[in-house]
Amino acid sequence: MRYLILTLLLLPIVIGCSDKNPQGRVPICGEVTLDGKPLEHGEILFLSIAGSTPAVATGSSIKNGTFSLPAKQGIIPEQTYSVQFQSIEEISSTQKEPKEIKSLHELMNLSEIKTRNLIPPKYGIQSKETVTATKKSPNVFLFNLTSEPDQKIR
């Protein structure tokens, strides 16, 4: 019983001493457009560039062209991050009526959903988009993505 009381007395001290943001991350927010229109839905991913210590990967949902990350999930200031995007949409769905099902295999594949990423590959794994946050707020980033191919300089 004594140990339980001692534990309960020390618990607030231990919790109070823990830093909720030990890496000093900062909140970030911003807007994402695709061909000049707010991106309705998607995801944004921030990956610290190779060699950054500590290595950080974090991300957020994009809704109605906006995203935000609180400090706890934010990025470390003065580090450069690669930024990747995706926005998946369903392009077709076929449903078979129960009377058309002829085998167990067909039963297991009642619906076939096909999807595509609205964001061109140049903004995904191949992205050259980068950001660097500062210690001062606000850290607001605007991303204007285009679905047009990169134009070559002549």
C-alpha atoms as a PDB file:
ATOM      1  CA  MET A   1       0.000   0.000   0.000  1.00  0.00           C
ATOM      2  CA  ARG A   2       2.898   2.327   0.828  1.00  0.00           C
ATOM      3  CA  TYR A   3       4.368   1.771  -2.636  1.00  0.00           C
ATOM      4  CA  LEU A   4       1.066   2.593  -4.271  1.00  0.00           C
ATOM      5  CA  ILE A   5       0.819   5.883  -2.363  1.00  0.00           C
ATOM      6  CA  LEU A   6       4.452   6.734  -3.147  1.00  0.00           C
ATOM      7  CA  THR A   7       3.866   5.952  -6.847  1.00  0.00           C
ATOM      8  CA  LEU A   8       0.766   8.131  -6.944  1.00  0.00           C
ATOM      9  CA  LEU A   9       2.670  10.994  -5.280  1.00  0.00           C
ATOM     10  CA  LEU A  10       5.621  10.759  -7.703  1.00  0.00           C
ATOM     11  CA  LEU A  11       3.560  10.279 -10.867  1.00  0.00           C
ATOM     12  CA  PRO A  12       2.732  14.001 -11.346  1.00  0.00           C
ATOM     13  CA  ILE A  13       6.406  14.906 -10.926  1.00  0.00           C
ATOM     14  CA  VAL A  14       7.526  12.358 -13.519  1.00  0.00           C
ATOM     15  CA  ILE A  15       4.797  13.398 -15.960  1.00  0.00           C
ATOM     16  CA  GLY A  16       5.537  17.079 -15.363  1.00  0.00           C
ATOM     17  CA  CYS A  17       9.207  16.574 -16.195  1.00  0.00           C
ATOM     18  CA  SER A  18       8.591  14.858 -19.511  1.00  0.00           C
ATOM     19  CA  ASP A  19       8.925  17.161 -22.505  1.00  0.00           C
ATOM     20  CA  LYS A  20       5.976  16.776 -24.861  1.00  0.00           C
ATOM     21  CA  ASN A  21       8.027  18.079 -27.780  1.00  0.00           C
ATOM     22  CA  PRO A  22      11.634  16.949 -27.175  1.00  0.00           C
ATOM     23  CA  GLN A  23      12.780  17.627 -30.760  1.00  0.00           C
ATOM     24  CA  GLY A  24      11.521  21.208 -30.760  1.00  0.00           C
ATOM     25  CA  ARG A  25       9.121  20.655 -33.650  1.00  0.00           C
ATOM     26  CA  VAL A  26       7.077  23.609 -34.870  1.00  0.00           C
ATOM     27  CA  PRO A  27       3.511  23.701 -36.159  1.00  0.00           C
ATOM     28  CA  ILE A  28       3.023  24.086 -39.886  1.00  0.00           C
ATOM     29  CA  CYS A  29       0.052  24.658 -42.126  1.00  0.00           C
ATOM     30  CA  GLY A  30      -0.691  25.605 -45.670  1.00  0.00           C
ATOM     31  CA  GLU A  31      -2.607  25.274 -48.861  1.00  0.00           C
ATOM     32  CA  VAL A  32      -2.376  22.868 -51.781  1.00  0.00           C
ATOM     33  CA  THR A  33      -3.843  23.600 -55.195  1.00  0.00           C
ATOM     34  CA  LEU A  34      -3.917  21.441 -58.302  1.00  0.00           C
ATOM     35  CA  ASP A  35      -4.194  23.373 -61.562  1.00  0.00           C
ATOM     36  CA  GLY A  36      -5.219  26.490 -59.654  1.00  0.00           C
ATOM     37  CA  LYS A  37      -8.034  24.842 -57.656  1.00  0.00           C
ATOM     38  CA  PRO A  38      -7.888  23.740 -53.994  1.00  0.00           C
ATOM     39  CA  LEU A  39      -7.095  20.019 -53.755  1.00  0.00           C
ATOM     40  CA  GLU A  40     -10.310  18.514 -52.374  1.00  0.00           C
ATOM     41  CA  HIS A  41      -8.670  15.617 -50.543  1.00  0.00           C
ATOM     42  CA  GLY A  42      -5.308  13.938 -50.240  1.00  0.00           C
ATOM     43  CA  GLU A  43      -2.235  13.493 -48.130  1.00  0.00           C
ATOM     44  CA  ILE A  44       0.962  15.466 -47.722  1.00  0.00           C
ATOM     45  CA  LEU A  45       4.174  13.871 -46.439  1.00  0.00           C
ATOM     46  CA  PHE A  46       7.278  15.628 -45.116  1.00  0.00           C
ATOM     47  CA  LEU A  47      10.543  13.627 -45.110  1.00  0.00           C
ATOM     48  CA  SER A  48      13.742  15.084 -43.718  1.00  0.00           C
ATOM     49  CA  ILE A  49      16.473  15.212 -46.350  1.00  0.00           C
ATOM     50  CA  ALA A  50      19.194  12.556 -46.017  1.00  0.00           C
ATOM     51  CA  GLY A  51      21.807  13.464 -43.450  1.00  0.00           C
ATOM     52  CA  SER A  52      19.416  15.401 -41.186  1.00  0.00           C
ATOM     53  CA  THR A  53      19.588  14.412 -37.555  1.00  0.00           C
ATOM     54  CA  PRO A  54      17.217  13.330 -36.230  1.00  0.00           C
ATOM     55  CA  ALA A  55      15.506  11.886 -39.292  1.00  0.00           C
ATOM     56  CA  VAL A  56      11.847  12.880 -39.336  1.00  0.00           C
ATOM     57  CA  ALA A  57       8.842  11.772 -41.377  1.00  0.00           C
ATOM     58  CA  THR A  58       5.442  13.278 -40.724  1.00  0.00           C
ATOM     59  CA  GLY A  59       2.320  14.074 -42.652  1.00  0.00           C
ATOM     60  CA  SER A  60      -1.234  15.286 -42.711  1.00  0.00           C
ATOM     61  CA  SER A  61      -4.505  14.965 -44.550  1.00  0.00           C
ATOM     62  CA  ILE A  62      -5.407  17.616 -47.075  1.00  0.00           C
ATOM     63  CA  LYS A  63      -9.046  18.707 -46.976  1.00  0.00           C
ATOM     64  CA  ASN A  64     -10.520  21.437 -49.149  1.00  0.00           C
ATOM     65  CA  GLY A  65      -7.025  22.568 -50.116  1.00  0.00           C
ATOM     66  CA  THR A  66      -5.644  22.976 -46.588  1.00  0.00           C
ATOM     67  CA  PHE A  67      -3.459  21.009 -44.194  1.00  0.00           C
ATOM     68  CA  SER A  68      -2.060  21.605 -40.722  1.00  0.00           C
ATOM     69  CA  LEU A  69       0.212  19.866 -38.271  1.00  0.00           C
ATOM     70  CA  PRO A  70       0.433  20.840 -34.586  1.00  0.00           C
ATOM     71  CA  ALA A  71       3.890  21.237 -33.055  1.00  0.00           C
ATOM     72  CA  LYS A  72       3.851  17.720 -31.614  1.00  0.00           C
ATOM     73  CA  GLN A  73       3.615  16.281 -35.174  1.00  0.00           C
ATOM     74  CA  GLY A  74       5.255  19.231 -36.957  1.00  0.00           C
ATOM     75  CA  ILE A  75       8.734  19.555 -38.414  1.00  0.00           C
ATOM     76  CA  ILE A  76      12.043  20.519 -36.868  1.00  0.00           C
ATOM     77  CA  PRO A  77      13.038  24.097 -37.706  1.00  0.00           C
ATOM     78  CA  GLU A  78      16.106  24.762 -39.860  1.00  0.00           C
ATOM     79  CA  GLN A  79      15.922  21.267 -41.393  1.00  0.00           C
ATOM     80  CA  THR A  80      15.005  20.829 -45.047  1.00  0.00           C
ATOM     81  CA  TYR A  81      12.208  18.427 -45.921  1.00  0.00           C
ATOM     82  CA  SER A  82      11.186  16.776 -49.152  1.00  0.00           C
ATOM     83  CA  VAL A  83       7.431  17.121 -49.672  1.00  0.00           C
ATOM     84  CA  GLN A  84       5.312  14.461 -51.362  1.00  0.00           C
ATOM     85  CA  PHE A  85       1.620  14.487 -52.256  1.00  0.00           C
ATOM     86  CA  GLN A  86      -1.097  12.040 -53.205  1.00  0.00           C
ATOM     87  CA  SER A  87      -4.825  12.219 -53.846  1.00  0.00           C
ATOM     88  CA  ILE A  88      -6.519   8.912 -54.616  1.00  0.00           C
ATOM     89  CA  GLU A  89      -9.901   8.717 -56.330  1.00  0.00           C
ATOM     90  CA  GLU A  90     -12.067   5.822 -57.414  1.00  0.00           C
ATOM     91  CA  ILE A  91     -12.383   5.617 -61.200  1.00  0.00           C
ATOM     92  CA  SER A  92     -14.615   2.586 -61.610  1.00  0.00           C
ATOM     93  CA  SER A  93     -16.515   0.021 -59.677  1.00  0.00           C
ATOM     94  CA  THR A  94     -18.297  -3.005 -61.008  1.00  0.00           C
ATOM     95  CA  GLN A  95     -20.866  -4.830 -58.943  1.00  0.00           C
ATOM     96  CA  LYS A  96     -22.263  -8.247 -59.811  1.00  0.00           C
ATOM     97  CA  GLU A  97     -25.778  -9.110 -58.844  1.00  0.00           C
ATOM     98  CA  PRO A  98     -26.059 -12.169 -56.574  1.00  0.00           C
ATOM     99  CA  LYS A  99     -27.961 -14.105 -59.297  1.00  0.00           C
ATOM    100  CA  GLU A 100     -24.922 -13.749 -61.622  1.00  0.00           C
ATOM    101  CA  ILE A 101     -22.459 -15.301 -59.181  1.00  0.00           C
ATOM    102  CA  LYS A 102     -21.403 -18.744 -60.376  1.00  0.00           C
ATOM    103  CA  SER A 103     -18.452 -19.623 -58.147  1.00  0.00           C
ATOM    104  CA  LEU A 104     -16.864 -18.976 -54.774  1.00  0.00           C
ATOM    105  CA  HIS A 105     -14.118 -17.051 -56.575  1.00  0.00           C
ATOM    106  CA  GLU A 106     -16.734 -14.671 -58.013  1.00  0.00           C
ATOM    107  CA  LEU A 107     -18.300 -14.323 -54.577  1.00  0.00           C
ATOM    108  CA  MET A 108     -14.945 -13.227 -53.124  1.00  0.00           C
ATOM    109  CA  ASN A 109     -14.523 -10.639 -55.899  1.00  0.00           C
ATOM    110  CA  LEU A 110     -17.982  -9.089 -55.829  1.00  0.00           C
ATOM    111  CA  SER A 111     -16.633  -5.648 -56.438  1.00  0.00           C
ATOM    112  CA  GLU A 112     -13.557  -4.529 -58.249  1.00  0.00           C
ATOM    113  CA  ILE A 113     -12.542  -0.993 -57.423  1.00  0.00           C
ATOM    114  CA  LYS A 114      -9.971   0.799 -59.512  1.00  0.00           C
ATOM    115  CA  THR A 115      -8.271   3.935 -58.310  1.00  0.00           C
ATOM    116  CA  ARG A 116      -5.842   6.520 -59.583  1.00  0.00           C
ATOM    117  CA  ASN A 117      -3.678   9.182 -58.048  1.00  0.00           C
ATOM    118  CA  LEU A 118      -4.769  12.641 -59.197  1.00  0.00           C
ATOM    119  CA  ILE A 119      -1.296  13.962 -58.384  1.00  0.00           C
ATOM    120  CA  PRO A 120       1.356  13.513 -61.094  1.00  0.00           C
ATOM    121  CA  PRO A 121       4.408  11.371 -60.194  1.00  0.00           C
ATOM    122  CA  LYS A 122       6.614  14.482 -60.231  1.00  0.00           C
ATOM    123  CA  TYR A 123       4.992  15.405 -56.877  1.00  0.00           C
ATOM    124  CA  GLY A 124       5.096  11.900 -55.389  1.00  0.00           C
ATOM    125  CA  ILE A 125       8.246   9.873 -54.810  1.00  0.00           C
ATOM    126  CA  GLN A 126       9.961  11.915 -57.545  1.00  0.00           C
ATOM    127  CA  SER A 127       9.071  15.214 -55.857  1.00  0.00           C
ATOM    128  CA  LYS A 128      11.574  18.040 -55.906  1.00  0.00           C
ATOM    129  CA  GLU A 129       9.375  20.179 -53.624  1.00  0.00           C
ATOM    130  CA  THR A 130      11.152  21.156 -50.397  1.00  0.00           C
ATOM    131  CA  VAL A 131      10.432  23.277 -47.329  1.00  0.00           C
ATOM    132  CA  THR A 132      12.411  24.590 -44.381  1.00  0.00           C
ATOM    133  CA  ALA A 133      10.586  25.887 -41.308  1.00  0.00           C
ATOM    134  CA  THR A 134      11.822  28.595 -38.979  1.00  0.00           C
ATOM    135  CA  LYS A 135      11.512  28.787 -35.206  1.00  0.00           C
ATOM    136  CA  LYS A 136       9.227  31.791 -35.606  1.00  0.00           C
ATOM    137  CA  SER A 137       5.562  31.247 -36.352  1.00  0.00           C
ATOM    138  CA  PRO A 138       3.703  31.080 -38.565  1.00  0.00           C
ATOM    139  CA  ASN A 139       5.206  28.478 -40.870  1.00  0.00           C
ATOM    140  CA  VAL A 140       2.738  28.585 -43.749  1.00  0.00           C
ATOM    141  CA  PHE A 141       3.527  26.786 -47.001  1.00  0.00           C
ATOM    142  CA  LEU A 142       1.709  27.149 -50.319  1.00  0.00           C
ATOM    143  CA  PHE A 143       1.976  24.419 -52.934  1.00  0.00           C
ATOM    144  CA  ASN A 144       0.706  25.096 -56.446  1.00  0.00           C
ATOM    145  CA  LEU A 145       0.765  21.735 -58.225  1.00  0.00           C
ATOM    146  CA  THR A 146       0.069  21.291 -61.930  1.00  0.00           C
ATOM    147  CA  SER A 147      -0.976  18.228 -63.855  1.00  0.00           C
ATOM    148  CA  GLU A 148       0.760  19.511 -66.980  1.00  0.00           C
ATOM    149  CA  PRO A 149       4.050  17.908 -67.963  1.00  0.00           C
ATOM    150  CA  ASP A 150       7.213  19.833 -67.170  1.00  0.00           C
ATOM    151  CA  GLN A 151       8.087  22.151 -69.993  1.00  0.00           C
ATOM    152  CA  LYS A 152      11.576  21.777 -71.381  1.00  0.00           C
ATOM    153  CA  ILE A 153      13.690  24.911 -71.680  1.00  0.00           C
ATOM    154  CA  ARG A 154      14.910  25.469 -75.231  1.00  0.00           C
END
